[in-house]
Amino acid sequence: MTVVEMPEWILILGNFGFPIAITIYLFMRFEKKLEKLENVIIQLSETIRDSRKD
């Protein structure tokens, strides 16, 4: 089977499937890191607020 005989969707999947999968994976990791960062910032702001009350 030559490249000409292959269906177009197989070529599209071959060209764009890997980059799309990597992008989704990185976005999921990035989202988890942002959630952790948000929690740490909230804790830090609460600690600062509590230290100013004393």
PDB file of N, CA and C in Angstrom:
ATOM      1  N   MET A   1       0.847  -1.175   0.000  1.00  0.00           N
ATOM      2  CA  MET A   1       0.000   0.000   0.000  1.00  0.00           C
ATOM      3  C   MET A   1       0.896   1.243   0.000  1.00  0.00           C
ATOM      4  N   THR A   2       0.680   2.117  -0.910  1.00  0.00           N
ATOM      5  CA  THR A   2       1.487   3.326  -1.003  1.00  0.00           C
ATOM      6  C   THR A   2       0.798   4.471  -0.273  1.00  0.00           C
ATOM      7  N   VAL A   3       1.491   5.573  -0.159  1.00  0.00           N
ATOM      8  CA  VAL A   3       0.943   6.738   0.514  1.00  0.00           C
ATOM      9  C   VAL A   3      -0.294   7.243  -0.223  1.00  0.00           C
ATOM     10  N   VAL A   4      -0.320   7.116  -1.524  1.00  0.00           N
ATOM     11  CA  VAL A   4      -1.448   7.585  -2.318  1.00  0.00           C
ATOM     12  C   VAL A   4      -2.698   6.764  -2.016  1.00  0.00           C
ATOM     13  N   GLU A   5      -2.547   5.481  -1.742  1.00  0.00           N
ATOM     14  CA  GLU A   5      -3.674   4.594  -1.501  1.00  0.00           C
ATOM     15  C   GLU A   5      -4.217   4.692  -0.062  1.00  0.00           C
ATOM     16  N   MET A   6      -3.458   5.268   0.854  1.00  0.00           N
ATOM     17  CA  MET A   6      -3.893   5.347   2.250  1.00  0.00           C
ATOM     18  C   MET A   6      -5.013   6.379   2.383  1.00  0.00           C
ATOM     19  N   PRO A   7      -6.012   6.054   3.181  1.00  0.00           N
ATOM     20  CA  PRO A   7      -7.084   7.040   3.405  1.00  0.00           C
ATOM     21  C   PRO A   7      -6.534   8.318   4.041  1.00  0.00           C
ATOM     22  N   GLU A   8      -7.182   9.398   3.746  1.00  0.00           N
ATOM     23  CA  GLU A   8      -6.697  10.699   4.215  1.00  0.00           C
ATOM     24  C   GLU A   8      -6.705  10.811   5.740  1.00  0.00           C
ATOM     25  N   TRP A   9      -7.694  10.206   6.403  1.00  0.00           N
ATOM     26  CA  TRP A   9      -7.767  10.325   7.857  1.00  0.00           C
ATOM     27  C   TRP A   9      -6.598   9.643   8.538  1.00  0.00           C
ATOM     28  N   ILE A  10      -6.061   8.601   7.935  1.00  0.00           N
ATOM     29  CA  ILE A  10      -4.889   7.925   8.508  1.00  0.00           C
ATOM     30  C   ILE A  10      -3.677   8.851   8.421  1.00  0.00           C
ATOM     31  N   LEU A  11      -3.554   9.554   7.321  1.00  0.00           N
ATOM     32  CA  LEU A  11      -2.446  10.500   7.188  1.00  0.00           C
ATOM     33  C   LEU A  11      -2.582  11.654   8.183  1.00  0.00           C
ATOM     34  N   ILE A  12      -3.797  12.147   8.355  1.00  0.00           N
ATOM     35  CA  ILE A  12      -4.024  13.232   9.303  1.00  0.00           C
ATOM     36  C   ILE A  12      -3.710  12.765  10.717  1.00  0.00           C
ATOM     37  N   LEU A  13      -4.183  11.583  11.073  1.00  0.00           N
ATOM     38  CA  LEU A  13      -3.917  11.025  12.405  1.00  0.00           C
ATOM     39  C   LEU A  13      -2.416  10.834  12.618  1.00  0.00           C
ATOM     40  N   GLY A  14      -1.737  10.369  11.602  1.00  0.00           N
ATOM     41  CA  GLY A  14      -0.298  10.174  11.714  1.00  0.00           C
ATOM     42  C   GLY A  14       0.463  11.469  11.884  1.00  0.00           C
ATOM     43  N   ASN A  15      -0.005  12.511  11.230  1.00  0.00           N
ATOM     44  CA  ASN A  15       0.687  13.794  11.304  1.00  0.00           C
ATOM     45  C   ASN A  15       0.355  14.588  12.562  1.00  0.00           C
ATOM     46  N   PHE A  16      -0.879  14.481  13.047  1.00  0.00           N
ATOM     47  CA  PHE A  16      -1.304  15.325  14.147  1.00  0.00           C
ATOM     48  C   PHE A  16      -1.635  14.574  15.431  1.00  0.00           C
ATOM     49  N   GLY A  17      -1.749  13.287  15.387  1.00  0.00           N
ATOM     50  CA  GLY A  17      -2.140  12.510  16.567  1.00  0.00           C
ATOM     51  C   GLY A  17      -1.141  12.603  17.704  1.00  0.00           C
ATOM     52  N   PHE A  18       0.130  12.428  17.412  1.00  0.00           N
ATOM     53  CA  PHE A  18       1.153  12.473  18.455  1.00  0.00           C
ATOM     54  C   PHE A  18       1.247  13.855  19.099  1.00  0.00           C
ATOM     55  N   PRO A  19       1.326  14.935  18.325  1.00  0.00           N
ATOM     56  CA  PRO A  19       1.378  16.259  18.967  1.00  0.00           C
ATOM     57  C   PRO A  19       0.136  16.567  19.809  1.00  0.00           C
ATOM     58  N   ILE A  20      -1.021  16.139  19.356  1.00  0.00           N
ATOM     59  CA  ILE A  20      -2.242  16.365  20.130  1.00  0.00           C
ATOM     60  C   ILE A  20      -2.187  15.591  21.442  1.00  0.00           C
ATOM     61  N   ALA A  21      -1.739  14.356  21.401  1.00  0.00           N
ATOM     62  CA  ALA A  21      -1.647  13.544  22.621  1.00  0.00           C
ATOM     63  C   ALA A  21      -0.660  14.166  23.611  1.00  0.00           C
ATOM     64  N   ILE A  22       0.472  14.622  23.137  1.00  0.00           N
ATOM     65  CA  ILE A  22       1.472  15.256  23.999  1.00  0.00           C
ATOM     66  C   ILE A  22       0.914  16.540  24.604  1.00  0.00           C
ATOM     67  N   THR A  23       0.214  17.328  23.816  1.00  0.00           N
ATOM     68  CA  THR A  23      -0.372  18.579  24.304  1.00  0.00           C
ATOM     69  C   THR A  23      -1.384  18.317  25.401  1.00  0.00           C
ATOM     70  N   ILE A  24      -2.246  17.340  25.208  1.00  0.00           N
ATOM     71  CA  ILE A  24      -3.245  17.001  26.232  1.00  0.00           C
ATOM     72  C   ILE A  24      -2.553  16.540  27.513  1.00  0.00           C
ATOM     73  N   TYR A  25      -1.544  15.710  27.378  1.00  0.00           N
ATOM     74  CA  TYR A  25      -0.798  15.235  28.546  1.00  0.00           C
ATOM     75  C   TYR A  25      -0.165  16.394  29.312  1.00  0.00           C
ATOM     76  N   LEU A  26       0.471  17.324  28.595  1.00  0.00           N
ATOM     77  CA  LEU A  26       1.126  18.453  29.255  1.00  0.00           C
ATOM     78  C   LEU A  26       0.116  19.394  29.899  1.00  0.00           C
ATOM     79  N   PHE A  27      -1.022  19.617  29.250  1.00  0.00           N
ATOM     80  CA  PHE A  27      -2.058  20.458  29.848  1.00  0.00           C
ATOM     81  C   PHE A  27      -2.581  19.855  31.143  1.00  0.00           C
ATOM     82  N   MET A  28      -2.742  18.543  31.180  1.00  0.00           N
ATOM     83  CA  MET A  28      -3.227  17.885  32.398  1.00  0.00           C
ATOM     84  C   MET A  28      -2.213  18.040  33.526  1.00  0.00           C
ATOM     85  N   ARG A  29      -0.939  17.878  33.232  1.00  0.00           N
ATOM     86  CA  ARG A  29       0.103  18.055  34.243  1.00  0.00           C
ATOM     87  C   ARG A  29       0.150  19.495  34.717  1.00  0.00           C
ATOM     88  N   PHE A  30       0.038  20.420  33.780  1.00  0.00           N
ATOM     89  CA  PHE A  30       0.092  21.843  34.105  1.00  0.00           C
ATOM     90  C   PHE A  30      -1.075  22.229  34.999  1.00  0.00           C
ATOM     91  N   GLU A  31      -2.254  21.663  34.730  1.00  0.00           N
ATOM     92  CA  GLU A  31      -3.436  21.965  35.542  1.00  0.00           C
ATOM     93  C   GLU A  31      -3.235  21.495  36.983  1.00  0.00           C
ATOM     94  N   LYS A  32      -2.675  20.325  37.164  1.00  0.00           N
ATOM     95  CA  LYS A  32      -2.428  19.808  38.514  1.00  0.00           C
ATOM     96  C   LYS A  32      -1.450  20.707  39.261  1.00  0.00           C
ATOM     97  N   LYS A  33      -0.417  21.161  38.574  1.00  0.00           N
ATOM     98  CA  LYS A  33       0.566  22.031  39.217  1.00  0.00           C
ATOM     99  C   LYS A  33      -0.061  23.374  39.579  1.00  0.00           C
ATOM    100  N   LEU A  34      -0.942  23.887  38.743  1.00  0.00           N
ATOM    101  CA  LEU A  34      -1.617  25.140  39.050  1.00  0.00           C
ATOM    102  C   LEU A  34      -2.525  25.001  40.269  1.00  0.00           C
ATOM    103  N   GLU A  35      -3.207  23.874  40.397  1.00  0.00           N
ATOM    104  CA  GLU A  35      -4.058  23.643  41.562  1.00  0.00           C
ATOM    105  C   GLU A  35      -3.225  23.608  42.837  1.00  0.00           C
ATOM    106  N   LYS A  36      -2.072  22.937  42.799  1.00  0.00           N
ATOM    107  CA  LYS A  36      -1.195  22.903  43.965  1.00  0.00           C
ATOM    108  C   LYS A  36      -0.700  24.301  44.305  1.00  0.00           C
ATOM    109  N   LEU A  37      -0.310  25.057  43.296  1.00  0.00           N
ATOM    110  CA  LEU A  37       0.170  26.420  43.508  1.00  0.00           C
ATOM    111  C   LEU A  37      -0.928  27.294  44.111  1.00  0.00           C
ATOM    112  N   GLU A  38      -2.147  27.142  43.635  1.00  0.00           N
ATOM    113  CA  GLU A  38      -3.274  27.901  44.175  1.00  0.00           C
ATOM    114  C   GLU A  38      -3.472  27.596  45.658  1.00  0.00           C
ATOM    115  N   ASN A  39      -3.398  26.323  46.028  1.00  0.00           N
ATOM    116  CA  ASN A  39      -3.567  25.944  47.433  1.00  0.00           C
ATOM    117  C   ASN A  39      -2.465  26.529  48.305  1.00  0.00           C
ATOM    118  N   VAL A  40      -1.247  26.532  47.814  1.00  0.00           N
ATOM    119  CA  VAL A  40      -0.127  27.080  48.581  1.00  0.00           C
ATOM    120  C   VAL A  40      -0.293  28.591  48.748  1.00  0.00           C
ATOM    121  N   ILE A  41      -0.744  29.272  47.716  1.00  0.00           N
ATOM    122  CA  ILE A  41      -0.960  30.720  47.810  1.00  0.00           C
ATOM    123  C   ILE A  41      -2.057  31.034  48.820  1.00  0.00           C
ATOM    124  N   ILE A  42      -3.115  30.255  48.824  1.00  0.00           N
ATOM    125  CA  ILE A  42      -4.194  30.457  49.798  1.00  0.00           C
ATOM    126  C   ILE A  42      -3.668  30.245  51.213  1.00  0.00           C
ATOM    127  N   GLN A  43      -2.890  29.194  51.432  1.00  0.00           N
ATOM    128  CA  GLN A  43      -2.323  28.938  52.751  1.00  0.00           C
ATOM    129  C   GLN A  43      -1.395  30.077  53.175  1.00  0.00           C
ATOM    130  N   LEU A  44      -0.594  30.558  52.242  1.00  0.00           N
ATOM    131  CA  LEU A  44       0.320  31.650  52.543  1.00  0.00           C
ATOM    132  C   LEU A  44      -0.440  32.915  52.922  1.00  0.00           C
ATOM    133  N   SER A  45      -1.493  33.230  52.192  1.00  0.00           N
ATOM    134  CA  SER A  45      -2.266  34.433  52.517  1.00  0.00           C
ATOM    135  C   SER A  45      -2.939  34.300  53.883  1.00  0.00           C
ATOM    136  N   GLU A  46      -3.407  33.103  54.230  1.00  0.00           N
ATOM    137  CA  GLU A  46      -4.002  32.889  55.549  1.00  0.00           C
ATOM    138  C   GLU A  46      -2.953  33.026  56.646  1.00  0.00           C
ATOM    139  N   THR A  47      -1.760  32.518  56.411  1.00  0.00           N
ATOM    140  CA  THR A  47      -0.676  32.634  57.388  1.00  0.00           C
ATOM    141  C   THR A  47      -0.299  34.095  57.591  1.00  0.00           C
ATOM    142  N   ILE A  48      -0.195  34.848  56.521  1.00  0.00           N
ATOM    143  CA  ILE A  48       0.132  36.270  56.627  1.00  0.00           C
ATOM    144  C   ILE A  48      -0.962  37.011  57.375  1.00  0.00           C
ATOM    145  N   ARG A  49      -2.218  36.712  57.067  1.00  0.00           N
ATOM    146  CA  ARG A  49      -3.350  37.367  57.741  1.00  0.00           C
ATOM    147  C   ARG A  49      -3.319  37.050  59.241  1.00  0.00           C
ATOM    148  N   ASP A  50      -3.054  35.795  59.585  1.00  0.00           N
ATOM    149  CA  ASP A  50      -3.009  35.399  60.996  1.00  0.00           C
ATOM    150  C   ASP A  50      -1.839  36.062  61.735  1.00  0.00           C
ATOM    151  N   SER A  51      -0.717  36.206  61.072  1.00  0.00           N
ATOM    152  CA  SER A  51       0.452  36.817  61.735  1.00  0.00           C
ATOM    153  C   SER A  51       0.230  38.310  61.955  1.00  0.00           C
ATOM    154  N   ARG A  52      -0.547  38.962  61.144  1.00  0.00           N
ATOM    155  CA  ARG A  52      -0.820  40.394  61.325  1.00  0.00           C
ATOM    156  C   ARG A  52      -1.808  40.637  62.450  1.00  0.00           C
ATOM    157  N   LYS A  53      -2.629  39.654  62.788  1.00  0.00           N
ATOM    158  CA  LYS A  53      -3.612  39.797  63.864  1.00  0.00           C
ATOM    159  C   LYS A  53      -2.931  39.819  65.218  1.00  0.00           C
ATOM    160  N   ASP A  54      -1.805  39.123  65.330  1.00  0.00           N
ATOM    161  CA  ASP A  54      -1.118  39.005  66.628  1.00  0.00           C
ATOM    162  C   ASP A  54      -0.413  40.249  67.020  1.00  0.00           C
TER     163      ASP A  54
END
